[in-house]
PDB file of N, CA and C in Angstrom:
ATOM      1  N   MET A   1      68.144  96.045  69.891  1.00  0.00           N
ATOM      2  CA  MET A   1      67.284  96.925  70.436  1.00  0.00           C
ATOM      3  C   MET A   1      65.899  96.151  70.491  1.00  0.00           C
ATOM      4  N   ALA A   2      65.234  96.432  71.627  1.00  0.00           N
ATOM      5  CA  ALA A   2      63.925  95.722  71.451  1.00  0.00           C
ATOM      6  C   ALA A   2      63.053  96.737  71.144  1.00  0.00           C
ATOM      7  N   ALA A   3      61.784  96.441  70.252  1.00  0.00           N
ATOM      8  CA  ALA A   3      60.782  97.560  70.189  1.00  0.00           C
ATOM      9  C   ALA A   3      59.928  97.807  71.115  1.00  0.00           C
ATOM     10  N   LYS A   4      59.436  99.141  71.143  1.00  0.00           N
ATOM     11  CA  LYS A   4      58.695  99.438  72.125  1.00  0.00           C
ATOM     12  C   LYS A   4      57.126  98.906  71.854  1.00  0.00           C
ATOM     13  N   PRO A   5      56.495  98.456  73.189  1.00  0.00           N
ATOM     14  CA  PRO A   5      55.187  98.097  72.848  1.00  0.00           C
ATOM     15  C   PRO A   5      54.129  99.061  72.249  1.00  0.00           C
ATOM     16  N   PRO A   6      53.291  99.110  71.374  1.00  0.00           N
ATOM     17  CA  PRO A   6      52.287 100.131  71.148  1.00  0.00           C
ATOM     18  C   PRO A   6      51.662 100.723  72.281  1.00  0.00           C
ATOM     19  N   SER A   7      51.543 102.049  72.387  1.00  0.00           N
ATOM     20  CA  SER A   7      50.725 102.470  73.517  1.00  0.00           C
ATOM     21  C   SER A   7      49.343 102.554  73.072  1.00  0.00           C
ATOM     22  N   SER A   8      48.542 102.311  74.266  1.00  0.00           N
ATOM     23  CA  SER A   8      47.330 102.390  74.096  1.00  0.00           C
ATOM     24  C   SER A   8      46.477 103.693  73.839  1.00  0.00           C
ATOM     25  N   PRO A   9      45.445 103.781  73.146  1.00  0.00           N
ATOM     26  CA  PRO A   9      44.980 104.885  72.655  1.00  0.00           C
ATOM     27  C   PRO A   9      44.367 105.588  73.919  1.00  0.00           C
ATOM     28  N   PRO A  10      44.155 106.980  74.121  1.00  0.00           N
ATOM     29  CA  PRO A  10      43.570 107.821  75.233  1.00  0.00           C
ATOM     30  C   PRO A  10      41.999 107.276  75.384  1.00  0.00           C
ATOM     31  N   HIS A  11      41.919 107.317  76.551  1.00  0.00           N
ATOM     32  CA  HIS A  11      40.611 106.899  76.830  1.00  0.00           C
ATOM     33  C   HIS A  11      39.453 107.995  76.678  1.00  0.00           C
ATOM     34  N   ALA A  12      38.426 107.894  76.216  1.00  0.00           N
ATOM     35  CA  ALA A  12      37.550 108.912  76.036  1.00  0.00           C
ATOM     36  C   ALA A  12      36.188 108.773  76.765  1.00  0.00           C
ATOM     37  N   THR A  13      36.150 109.991  77.519  1.00  0.00           N
ATOM     38  CA  THR A  13      34.825 110.152  78.507  1.00  0.00           C
ATOM     39  C   THR A  13      33.577 110.673  77.633  1.00  0.00           C
ATOM     40  N   LEU A  14      32.399 110.561  78.074  1.00  0.00           N
ATOM     41  CA  LEU A  14      31.445 111.313  77.502  1.00  0.00           C
ATOM     42  C   LEU A  14      31.533 112.613  77.489  1.00  0.00           C
ATOM     43  N   GLU A  15      32.076 113.116  78.612  1.00  0.00           N
ATOM     44  CA  GLU A  15      32.268 114.710  78.712  1.00  0.00           C
ATOM     45  C   GLU A  15      33.326 115.118  77.456  1.00  0.00           C
ATOM     46  N   ASN A  16      34.321 114.165  77.194  1.00  0.00           N
ATOM     47  CA  ASN A  16      35.389 114.733  76.310  1.00  0.00           C
ATOM     48  C   ASN A  16      34.730 114.707  74.840  1.00  0.00           C
ATOM     49  N   LEU A  17      33.694 113.540  74.677  1.00  0.00           N
ATOM     50  CA  LEU A  17      33.160 113.576  73.282  1.00  0.00           C
ATOM     51  C   LEU A  17      32.148 114.471  73.070  1.00  0.00           C
ATOM     52  N   SER A  18      31.435 114.798  74.091  1.00  0.00           N
ATOM     53  CA  SER A  18      30.433 115.990  73.855  1.00  0.00           C
ATOM     54  C   SER A  18      30.957 117.268  73.712  1.00  0.00           C
ATOM     55  N   GLU A  19      32.209 117.382  73.911  1.00  0.00           N
ATOM     56  CA  GLU A  19      32.933 118.833  73.955  1.00  0.00           C
ATOM     57  C   GLU A  19      33.942 118.685  72.607  1.00  0.00           C
ATOM     58  N   ALA A  20      33.892 117.558  71.875  1.00  0.00           N
ATOM     59  CA  ALA A  20      34.903 117.606  70.705  1.00  0.00           C
ATOM     60  C   ALA A  20      34.452 118.448  69.512  1.00  0.00           C
ATOM     61  N   LYS A  21      35.290 119.025  68.976  1.00  0.00           N
ATOM     62  CA  LYS A  21      34.875 119.638  67.707  1.00  0.00           C
ATOM     63  C   LYS A  21      35.125 119.124  66.603  1.00  0.00           C
ATOM     64  N   VAL A  22      34.163 119.017  65.774  1.00  0.00           N
ATOM     65  CA  VAL A  22      34.391 118.327  64.593  1.00  0.00           C
ATOM     66  C   VAL A  22      33.739 119.075  63.314  1.00  0.00           C
ATOM     67  N   SER A  23      34.588 119.286  62.512  1.00  0.00           N
ATOM     68  CA  SER A  23      34.456 120.377  61.409  1.00  0.00           C
ATOM     69  C   SER A  23      33.704 119.411  60.278  1.00  0.00           C
ATOM     70  N   PRO A  24      32.791 120.104  59.680  1.00  0.00           N
ATOM     71  CA  PRO A  24      32.353 119.233  58.585  1.00  0.00           C
ATOM     72  C   PRO A  24      33.266 119.012  57.238  1.00  0.00           C
ATOM     73  N   PRO A  25      33.285 118.252  56.431  1.00  0.00           N
ATOM     74  CA  PRO A  25      34.117 117.980  55.199  1.00  0.00           C
ATOM     75  C   PRO A  25      33.805 119.172  54.377  1.00  0.00           C
ATOM     76  N   LYS A  26      34.945 119.646  53.778  1.00  0.00           N
ATOM     77  CA  LYS A  26      34.702 120.626  52.702  1.00  0.00           C
ATOM     78  C   LYS A  26      34.503 119.961  51.345  1.00  0.00           C
ATOM     79  N   PRO A  27      33.406 120.403  50.717  1.00  0.00           N
ATOM     80  CA  PRO A  27      32.891 119.731  49.393  1.00  0.00           C
ATOM     81  C   PRO A  27      34.169 119.949  48.425  1.00  0.00           C
ATOM     82  N   ASP A  28      34.306 118.926  47.665  1.00  0.00           N
ATOM     83  CA  ASP A  28      35.241 118.973  46.553  1.00  0.00           C
ATOM     84  C   ASP A  28      34.710 119.432  45.258  1.00  0.00           C
ATOM     85  N   ARG A  29      35.386 119.297  44.142  1.00  0.00           N
ATOM     86  CA  ARG A  29      34.844 119.777  42.991  1.00  0.00           C
ATOM     87  C   ARG A  29      33.524 119.206  42.327  1.00  0.00           C
ATOM     88  N   LYS A  30      33.757 117.795  42.498  1.00  0.00           N
ATOM     89  CA  LYS A  30      32.713 116.806  42.080  1.00  0.00           C
ATOM     90  C   LYS A  30      31.396 117.260  42.859  1.00  0.00           C
ATOM     91  N   ALA A  31      31.357 117.550  44.374  1.00  0.00           N
ATOM     92  CA  ALA A  31      30.229 117.743  44.722  1.00  0.00           C
ATOM     93  C   ALA A  31      29.734 119.058  44.269  1.00  0.00           C
ATOM     94  N   HIS A  32      30.482 120.022  43.914  1.00  0.00           N
ATOM     95  CA  HIS A  32      29.880 121.288  43.543  1.00  0.00           C
ATOM     96  C   HIS A  32      29.286 121.157  42.089  1.00  0.00           C
ATOM     97  N   ASN A  33      29.932 120.219  41.339  1.00  0.00           N
ATOM     98  CA  ASN A  33      29.401 120.020  39.823  1.00  0.00           C
ATOM     99  C   ASN A  33      28.041 119.318  40.026  1.00  0.00           C
ATOM    100  N   GLU A  34      27.996 118.437  40.928  1.00  0.00           N
ATOM    101  CA  GLU A  34      26.669 117.494  41.207  1.00  0.00           C
ATOM    102  C   GLU A  34      25.645 118.697  41.710  1.00  0.00           C
ATOM    103  N   ALA A  35      25.825 119.449  42.652  1.00  0.00           N
ATOM    104  CA  ALA A  35      24.888 120.542  43.117  1.00  0.00           C
ATOM    105  C   ALA A  35      24.393 121.165  41.973  1.00  0.00           C
ATOM    106  N   ALA A  36      25.321 121.784  41.099  1.00  0.00           N
ATOM    107  CA  ALA A  36      24.990 122.606  39.879  1.00  0.00           C
ATOM    108  C   ALA A  36      24.121 121.934  39.011  1.00  0.00           C
ATOM    109  N   HIS A  37      24.565 120.676  38.743  1.00  0.00           N
ATOM    110  CA  HIS A  37      23.601 119.989  37.919  1.00  0.00           C
ATOM    111  C   HIS A  37      21.972 119.609  38.536  1.00  0.00           C
ATOM    112  N   PHE A  38      22.039 119.086  39.668  1.00  0.00           N
ATOM    113  CA  PHE A  38      20.831 119.141  40.296  1.00  0.00           C
ATOM    114  C   PHE A  38      20.023 120.360  40.461  1.00  0.00           C
ATOM    115  N   ALA A  39      20.618 121.387  40.507  1.00  0.00           N
ATOM    116  CA  ALA A  39      19.719 122.710  40.547  1.00  0.00           C
ATOM    117  C   ALA A  39      19.317 122.958  39.096  1.00  0.00           C
ATOM    118  N   HIS A  40      20.361 122.582  37.872  1.00  0.00           N
ATOM    119  CA  HIS A  40      19.935 122.850  36.496  1.00  0.00           C
ATOM    120  C   HIS A  40      18.640 121.997  36.246  1.00  0.00           C
ATOM    121  N   GLU A  41      18.622 120.748  36.592  1.00  0.00           N
ATOM    122  CA  GLU A  41      17.653 119.696  36.376  1.00  0.00           C
ATOM    123  C   GLU A  41      16.257 120.400  36.933  1.00  0.00           C
ATOM    124  N   GLU A  42      16.495 120.869  38.317  1.00  0.00           N
ATOM    125  CA  GLU A  42      15.161 121.264  38.957  1.00  0.00           C
ATOM    126  C   GLU A  42      14.554 122.394  38.282  1.00  0.00           C
ATOM    127  N   ASN A  43      15.510 123.219  37.788  1.00  0.00           N
ATOM    128  CA  ASN A  43      14.929 124.620  36.910  1.00  0.00           C
ATOM    129  C   ASN A  43      14.283 124.170  35.827  1.00  0.00           C
ATOM    130  N   MET A  44      15.030 123.229  34.998  1.00  0.00           N
ATOM    131  CA  MET A  44      14.248 122.629  33.772  1.00  0.00           C
ATOM    132  C   MET A  44      12.917 122.078  34.001  1.00  0.00           C
ATOM    133  N   HIS A  45      12.813 121.107  35.110  1.00  0.00           N
ATOM    134  CA  HIS A  45      11.658 120.470  35.447  1.00  0.00           C
ATOM    135  C   HIS A  45      10.579 121.648  35.765  1.00  0.00           C
ATOM    136  N   LYS A  46      10.960 122.753  36.650  1.00  0.00           N
ATOM    137  CA  LYS A  46       9.988 123.703  36.693  1.00  0.00           C
ATOM    138  C   LYS A  46       9.487 124.626  35.686  1.00  0.00           C
ATOM    139  N   SER A  47      10.466 124.796  34.851  1.00  0.00           N
ATOM    140  CA  SER A  47       9.983 125.564  33.704  1.00  0.00           C
ATOM    141  C   SER A  47       9.279 124.642  32.742  1.00  0.00           C
ATOM    142  N   LYS A  48       9.424 123.088  32.736  1.00  0.00           N
ATOM    143  CA  LYS A  48       8.445 122.348  31.744  1.00  0.00           C
ATOM    144  C   LYS A  48       7.034 122.260  32.416  1.00  0.00           C
ATOM    145  N   LEU A  49       6.974 122.492  33.953  1.00  0.00           N
ATOM    146  CA  LEU A  49       5.416 122.379  34.541  1.00  0.00           C
ATOM    147  C   LEU A  49       4.776 123.548  34.173  1.00  0.00           C
ATOM    148  N   GLY A  50       5.484 124.876  34.407  1.00  0.00           N
ATOM    149  CA  GLY A  50       4.732 126.126  34.164  1.00  0.00           C
ATOM    150  C   GLY A  50       4.200 126.320  35.519  1.00  0.00           C
ATOM    151  N   TRP A  51       3.506 127.455  35.649  1.00  0.00           N
ATOM    152  CA  TRP A  51       2.719 128.065  36.861  1.00  0.00           C
ATOM    153  C   TRP A  51       1.466 127.035  37.128  1.00  0.00           C
ATOM    154  N   VAL A  52       0.903 126.491  36.038  1.00  0.00           N
ATOM    155  CA  VAL A  52      -0.360 125.653  36.323  1.00  0.00           C
ATOM    156  C   VAL A  52       0.286 124.282  36.716  1.00  0.00           C
ATOM    157  N   GLY A  53       1.242 123.741  36.091  1.00  0.00           N
ATOM    158  CA  GLY A  53       1.856 122.504  36.382  1.00  0.00           C
ATOM    159  C   GLY A  53       2.162 122.337  37.931  1.00  0.00           C
ATOM    160  N   ALA A  54       2.830 123.498  38.331  1.00  0.00           N
ATOM    161  CA  ALA A  54       3.227 123.620  39.653  1.00  0.00           C
ATOM    162  C   ALA A  54       2.204 122.920  40.787  1.00  0.00           C
ATOM    163  N   VAL A  55       0.923 123.475  40.401  1.00  0.00           N
ATOM    164  CA  VAL A  55      -0.113 123.034  41.052  1.00  0.00           C
ATOM    165  C   VAL A  55      -0.748 121.683  40.746  1.00  0.00           C
ATOM    166  N   TRP A  56      -0.992 121.401  39.464  1.00  0.00           N
ATOM    167  CA  TRP A  56      -1.850 120.424  39.012  1.00  0.00           C
ATOM    168  C   TRP A  56      -1.016 119.197  38.651  1.00  0.00           C
ATOM    169  N   GLY A  57       0.474 119.213  38.503  1.00  0.00           N
ATOM    170  CA  GLY A  57       1.302 118.217  38.049  1.00  0.00           C
ATOM    171  C   GLY A  57       1.769 118.227  36.857  1.00  0.00           C
ATOM    172  N   SER A  58       2.346 117.046  36.188  1.00  0.00           N
ATOM    173  CA  SER A  58       3.011 116.904  34.851  1.00  0.00           C
ATOM    174  C   SER A  58       2.078 116.344  33.879  1.00  0.00           C
ATOM    175  N   LYS A  59       2.655 116.172  32.580  1.00  0.00           N
ATOM    176  CA  LYS A  59       1.912 115.706  31.629  1.00  0.00           C
ATOM    177  C   LYS A  59       0.882 114.494  31.981  1.00  0.00           C
ATOM    178  N   SER A  60       1.874 113.296  32.674  1.00  0.00           N
ATOM    179  CA  SER A  60       1.130 112.021  32.843  1.00  0.00           C
ATOM    180  C   SER A  60       0.274 112.224  34.212  1.00  0.00           C
ATOM    181  N   GLU A  61       0.077 113.197  34.668  1.00  0.00           N
ATOM    182  CA  GLU A  61      -0.807 113.366  35.754  1.00  0.00           C
ATOM    183  C   GLU A  61      -2.189 114.019  35.323  1.00  0.00           C
ATOM    184  N   LYS A  62      -1.990 114.537  34.095  1.00  0.00           N
ATOM    185  CA  LYS A  62      -3.241 115.484  33.632  1.00  0.00           C
ATOM    186  C   LYS A  62      -4.509 114.948  33.794  1.00  0.00           C
ATOM    187  N   PRO A  63      -4.980 113.600  33.206  1.00  0.00           N
ATOM    188  CA  PRO A  63      -6.004 113.014  33.205  1.00  0.00           C
ATOM    189  C   PRO A  63      -6.903 112.912  34.684  1.00  0.00           C
ATOM    190  N   GLY A  64      -5.870 112.442  35.584  1.00  0.00           N
ATOM    191  CA  GLY A  64      -6.418 112.598  37.203  1.00  0.00           C
ATOM    192  C   GLY A  64      -6.476 113.760  37.502  1.00  0.00           C
ATOM    193  N   ASN A  65      -5.859 114.817  37.141  1.00  0.00           N
ATOM    194  CA  ASN A  65      -6.080 116.018  37.682  1.00  0.00           C
ATOM    195  C   ASN A  65      -7.382 116.677  36.961  1.00  0.00           C
ATOM    196  N   ILE A  66      -7.597 116.528  35.911  1.00  0.00           N
ATOM    197  CA  ILE A  66      -8.820 117.096  35.077  1.00  0.00           C
ATOM    198  C   ILE A  66      -9.952 116.387  35.760  1.00  0.00           C
ATOM    199  N   ALA A  67     -10.094 115.030  36.117  1.00  0.00           N
ATOM    200  CA  ALA A  67     -11.056 114.391  36.837  1.00  0.00           C
ATOM    201  C   ALA A  67     -11.128 114.900  38.234  1.00  0.00           C
ATOM    202  N   ALA A  68     -10.368 115.139  38.934  1.00  0.00           N
ATOM    203  CA  ALA A  68     -10.310 115.698  40.364  1.00  0.00           C
ATOM    204  C   ALA A  68     -10.778 116.993  40.218  1.00  0.00           C
ATOM    205  N   ILE A  69     -10.523 117.973  39.224  1.00  0.00           N
ATOM    206  CA  ILE A  69     -11.120 119.263  39.191  1.00  0.00           C
ATOM    207  C   ILE A  69     -12.591 119.170  38.816  1.00  0.00           C
ATOM    208  N   VAL A  70     -13.103 118.091  38.084  1.00  0.00           N
ATOM    209  CA  VAL A  70     -14.534 117.921  37.644  1.00  0.00           C
ATOM    210  C   VAL A  70     -15.176 117.594  39.034  1.00  0.00           C
ATOM    211  N   ALA A  71     -14.472 116.555  39.746  1.00  0.00           N
ATOM    212  CA  ALA A  71     -15.355 116.137  40.929  1.00  0.00           C
ATOM    213  C   ALA A  71     -15.237 117.177  42.046  1.00  0.00           C
ATOM    214  N   ILE A  72     -14.424 118.021  42.184  1.00  0.00           N
ATOM    215  CA  ILE A  72     -14.446 119.230  43.131  1.00  0.00           C
ATOM    216  C   ILE A  72     -15.610 120.268  42.546  1.00  0.00           C
ATOM    217  N   VAL A  73     -15.628 120.407  41.251  1.00  0.00           N
ATOM    218  CA  VAL A  73     -16.839 121.431  40.863  1.00  0.00           C
ATOM    219  C   VAL A  73     -18.167 120.755  40.852  1.00  0.00           C
ATOM    220  N   LEU A  74     -18.146 119.439  40.766  1.00  0.00           N
ATOM    221  CA  LEU A  74     -19.566 118.733  40.961  1.00  0.00           C
ATOM    222  C   LEU A  74     -19.799 118.544  42.474  1.00  0.00           C
ATOM    223  N   LEU A  75     -18.914 118.430  43.259  1.00  0.00           N
ATOM    224  CA  LEU A  75     -19.138 118.577  44.898  1.00  0.00           C
ATOM    225  C   LEU A  75     -19.755 119.894  45.153  1.00  0.00           C
ATOM    226  N   GLY A  76     -19.280 120.783  44.503  1.00  0.00           N
ATOM    227  CA  GLY A  76     -19.623 122.166  44.884  1.00  0.00           C
ATOM    228  C   GLY A  76     -21.255 122.422  44.569  1.00  0.00           C
ATOM    229  N   PHE A  77     -21.433 121.893  43.173  1.00  0.00           N
ATOM    230  CA  PHE A  77     -22.799 121.729  42.907  1.00  0.00           C
ATOM    231  C   PHE A  77     -23.660 121.312  43.510  1.00  0.00           C
ATOM    232  N   VAL A  78     -23.366 119.929  44.068  1.00  0.00           N
ATOM    233  CA  VAL A  78     -24.193 119.176  44.925  1.00  0.00           C
ATOM    234  C   VAL A  78     -24.384 119.855  46.290  1.00  0.00           C
ATOM    235  N   GLY A  79     -23.574 120.574  46.653  1.00  0.00           N
ATOM    236  CA  GLY A  79     -23.630 121.401  48.025  1.00  0.00           C
ATOM    237  C   GLY A  79     -24.595 122.511  47.857  1.00  0.00           C
ATOM    238  N   VAL A  80     -24.588 123.203  46.600  1.00  0.00           N
ATOM    239  CA  VAL A  80     -25.374 124.159  46.574  1.00  0.00           C
ATOM    240  C   VAL A  80     -26.793 123.535  46.056  1.00  0.00           C
ATOM    241  N   LEU A  81     -26.852 122.520  45.597  1.00  0.00           N
ATOM    242  CA  LEU A  81     -28.147 121.815  45.310  1.00  0.00           C
ATOM    243  C   LEU A  81     -28.960 121.294  46.655  1.00  0.00           C
ATOM    244  N   ILE A  82     -28.248 120.727  47.695  1.00  0.00           N
ATOM    245  CA  ILE A  82     -28.642 120.443  48.747  1.00  0.00           C
ATOM    246  C   ILE A  82     -29.038 121.494  49.603  1.00  0.00           C
ATOM    247  N   PHE A  83     -28.436 122.641  49.661  1.00  0.00           N
ATOM    248  CA  PHE A  83     -28.668 123.641  50.510  1.00  0.00           C
ATOM    249  C   PHE A  83     -29.441 124.575  50.075  1.00  0.00           C
ATOM    250  N   ARG A  84     -29.670 124.814  48.744  1.00  0.00           N
ATOM    251  CA  ARG A  84     -30.441 125.850  48.169  1.00  0.00           C
ATOM    252  C   ARG A  84     -31.819 125.385  47.385  1.00  0.00           C
ATOM    253  N   TYR A  85     -31.619 124.221  46.815  1.00  0.00           N
ATOM    254  CA  TYR A  85     -32.881 123.824  45.934  1.00  0.00           C
ATOM    255  C   TYR A  85     -33.137 122.324  46.119  1.00  0.00           C
ATOM    256  N   SER A  86     -33.143 122.185  47.667  1.00  0.00           N
ATOM    257  CA  SER A  86     -33.728 120.742  48.143  1.00  0.00           C
ATOM    258  C   SER A  86     -35.266 120.552  47.864  1.00  0.00           C
ATOM    259  N   GLU A  87     -35.953 121.685  47.658  1.00  0.00           N
ATOM    260  CA  GLU A  87     -37.449 121.642  47.447  1.00  0.00           C
ATOM    261  C   GLU A  87     -37.840 121.496  46.110  1.00  0.00           C
ATOM    262  N   TRP A  88     -36.698 121.399  45.082  1.00  0.00           N
ATOM    263  CA  TRP A  88     -36.930 121.519  43.852  1.00  0.00           C
ATOM    264  C   TRP A  88     -37.468 120.160  43.236  1.00  0.00           C
ATOM    265  N   GLU A  89     -38.406 120.107  42.334  1.00  0.00           N
ATOM    266  CA  GLU A  89     -39.019 118.949  41.783  1.00  0.00           C
ATOM    267  C   GLU A  89     -38.139 117.879  40.931  1.00  0.00           C
ATOM    268  N   LEU A  90     -36.947 118.526  40.505  1.00  0.00           N
ATOM    269  CA  LEU A  90     -36.078 117.599  39.874  1.00  0.00           C
ATOM    270  C   LEU A  90     -34.737 117.411  40.763  1.00  0.00           C
ATOM    271  N   PHE A  91     -34.983 117.519  42.145  1.00  0.00           N
ATOM    272  CA  PHE A  91     -33.771 117.460  42.824  1.00  0.00           C
ATOM    273  C   PHE A  91     -33.161 116.128  43.059  1.00  0.00           C
ATOM    274  N   SER A  92     -33.984 115.078  43.315  1.00  0.00           N
ATOM    275  CA  SER A  92     -33.397 113.735  43.437  1.00  0.00           C
ATOM    276  C   SER A  92     -32.763 113.249  42.125  1.00  0.00           C
ATOM    277  N   GLU A  93     -33.460 113.486  40.769  1.00  0.00           N
ATOM    278  CA  GLU A  93     -32.789 113.137  39.553  1.00  0.00           C
ATOM    279  C   GLU A  93     -31.408 113.688  39.480  1.00  0.00           C
ATOM    280  N   THR A  94     -31.301 114.957  39.766  1.00  0.00           N
ATOM    281  CA  THR A  94     -30.177 115.601  39.666  1.00  0.00           C
ATOM    282  C   THR A  94     -29.091 115.326  40.627  1.00  0.00           C
ATOM    283  N   LEU A  95     -29.635 115.204  41.863  1.00  0.00           N
ATOM    284  CA  LEU A  95     -28.511 114.637  42.755  1.00  0.00           C
ATOM    285  C   LEU A  95     -28.053 113.346  42.311  1.00  0.00           C
ATOM    286  N   THR A  96     -28.940 112.347  42.046  1.00  0.00           N
ATOM    287  CA  THR A  96     -28.592 111.112  41.561  1.00  0.00           C
ATOM    288  C   THR A  96     -27.680 111.038  40.435  1.00  0.00           C
ATOM    289  N   ALA A  97     -27.685 111.853  39.278  1.00  0.00           N
ATOM    290  CA  ALA A  97     -26.927 112.107  38.320  1.00  0.00           C
ATOM    291  C   ALA A  97     -25.514 112.526  38.749  1.00  0.00           C
ATOM    292  N   MET A  98     -25.435 113.536  39.490  1.00  0.00           N
ATOM    293  CA  MET A  98     -24.081 114.219  40.049  1.00  0.00           C
ATOM    294  C   MET A  98     -23.501 113.315  40.802  1.00  0.00           C
ATOM    295  N   MET A  99     -24.192 112.377  41.786  1.00  0.00           N
ATOM    296  CA  MET A  99     -23.493 111.571  42.638  1.00  0.00           C
ATOM    297  C   MET A  99     -22.946 110.305  41.893  1.00  0.00           C
ATOM    298  N   SER A 100     -23.585 109.889  40.794  1.00  0.00           N
ATOM    299  CA  SER A 100     -23.020 108.646  40.051  1.00  0.00           C
ATOM    300  C   SER A 100     -21.981 109.311  39.234  1.00  0.00           C
ATOM    301  N   THR A 101     -21.860 110.518  38.788  1.00  0.00           N
ATOM    302  CA  THR A 101     -20.814 110.989  38.014  1.00  0.00           C
ATOM    303  C   THR A 101     -19.532 111.174  38.943  1.00  0.00           C
ATOM    304  N   ILE A 102     -19.771 111.553  40.080  1.00  0.00           N
ATOM    305  CA  ILE A 102     -18.875 111.574  41.339  1.00  0.00           C
ATOM    306  C   ILE A 102     -18.047 110.302  41.497  1.00  0.00           C
ATOM    307  N   SER A 103     -19.258 109.382  41.872  1.00  0.00           N
ATOM    308  CA  SER A 103     -18.552 108.054  42.054  1.00  0.00           C
ATOM    309  C   SER A 103     -17.928 107.366  41.019  1.00  0.00           C
ATOM    310  N   LEU A 104     -18.212 107.637  39.758  1.00  0.00           N
ATOM    311  CA  LEU A 104     -17.391 107.252  38.567  1.00  0.00           C
ATOM    312  C   LEU A 104     -15.944 107.890  38.543  1.00  0.00           C
ATOM    313  N   ILE A 105     -15.803 109.218  39.029  1.00  0.00           N
ATOM    314  CA  ILE A 105     -14.515 109.861  38.934  1.00  0.00           C
ATOM    315  C   ILE A 105     -13.918 109.387  39.941  1.00  0.00           C
ATOM    316  N   LEU A 106     -14.273 109.048  41.117  1.00  0.00           N
ATOM    317  CA  LEU A 106     -13.606 108.592  42.253  1.00  0.00           C
ATOM    318  C   LEU A 106     -12.979 107.326  42.003  1.00  0.00           C
ATOM    319  N   GLY A 107     -13.867 106.554  41.388  1.00  0.00           N
ATOM    320  CA  GLY A 107     -13.326 105.141  40.772  1.00  0.00           C
ATOM    321  C   GLY A 107     -12.319 105.159  40.068  1.00  0.00           C
ATOM    322  N   TYR A 108     -12.106 106.168  38.980  1.00  0.00           N
ATOM    323  CA  TYR A 108     -11.001 106.380  38.158  1.00  0.00           C
ATOM    324  C   TYR A 108      -9.845 106.859  38.940  1.00  0.00           C
ATOM    325  N   LEU A 109     -10.112 107.635  39.824  1.00  0.00           N
ATOM    326  CA  LEU A 109      -8.839 108.241  40.613  1.00  0.00           C
ATOM    327  C   LEU A 109      -8.185 107.237  41.483  1.00  0.00           C
ATOM    328  N   PHE A 110      -9.012 106.544  42.097  1.00  0.00           N
ATOM    329  CA  PHE A 110      -8.538 105.693  43.260  1.00  0.00           C
ATOM    330  C   PHE A 110      -8.428 104.161  42.707  1.00  0.00           C
ATOM    331  N   GLY A 111      -8.940 103.881  41.523  1.00  0.00           N
ATOM    332  CA  GLY A 111      -8.873 102.330  41.019  1.00  0.00           C
ATOM    333  C   GLY A 111      -7.442 101.950  40.743  1.00  0.00           C
ATOM    334  N   SER A 112      -7.379 100.714  40.237  1.00  0.00           N
ATOM    335  CA  SER A 112      -6.232  99.989  40.009  1.00  0.00           C
ATOM    336  C   SER A 112      -5.578 100.841  38.943  1.00  0.00           C
ATOM    337  N   SER A 113      -4.247 100.961  39.286  1.00  0.00           N
ATOM    338  CA  SER A 113      -3.505 101.803  38.175  1.00  0.00           C
ATOM    339  C   SER A 113      -2.754 100.812  37.225  1.00  0.00           C
ATOM    340  N   SER A 114      -2.769  99.444  37.507  1.00  0.00           N
ATOM    341  CA  SER A 114      -2.010  98.625  36.658  1.00  0.00           C
ATOM    342  C   SER A 114      -3.106  98.128  35.550  1.00  0.00           C
ATOM    343  N   ARG A 115      -2.567  98.016  34.384  1.00  0.00           N
ATOM    344  CA  ARG A 115      -3.566  97.893  33.034  1.00  0.00           C
ATOM    345  C   ARG A 115      -3.111  96.358  32.542  1.00  0.00           C
ATOM    346  N   ASP A 116      -3.302  95.278  33.108  1.00  0.00           N
ATOM    347  CA  ASP A 116      -2.752  94.200  32.731  1.00  0.00           C
ATOM    348  C   ASP A 116      -3.758  93.422  31.729  1.00  0.00           C
TER     349      ASP A 116
END
């Protein structure tokens, strides 16, 4: 007996493909374990940061965060100085001191991170 030639697959049209129902695969035990491990790691990281760390970052970012806080406070003081005390006799000296400190902080924050 002669073997039958293989039949060609049915032709799919765009209409058939757009109406096809595809169910997502069901996660196996390994996927559940991985999700549980990820959730545990995320909770541990959140507990290490605390409520202040959630806003300002982790231990390695603290120097930059402190510098950013000081720069923001100094910019607030510069704004008050410009709008409230522009006629003060020590205005220019105070403004120069604050702006040089802010420039130093910005250089620290945005400077090169490599220490070669």
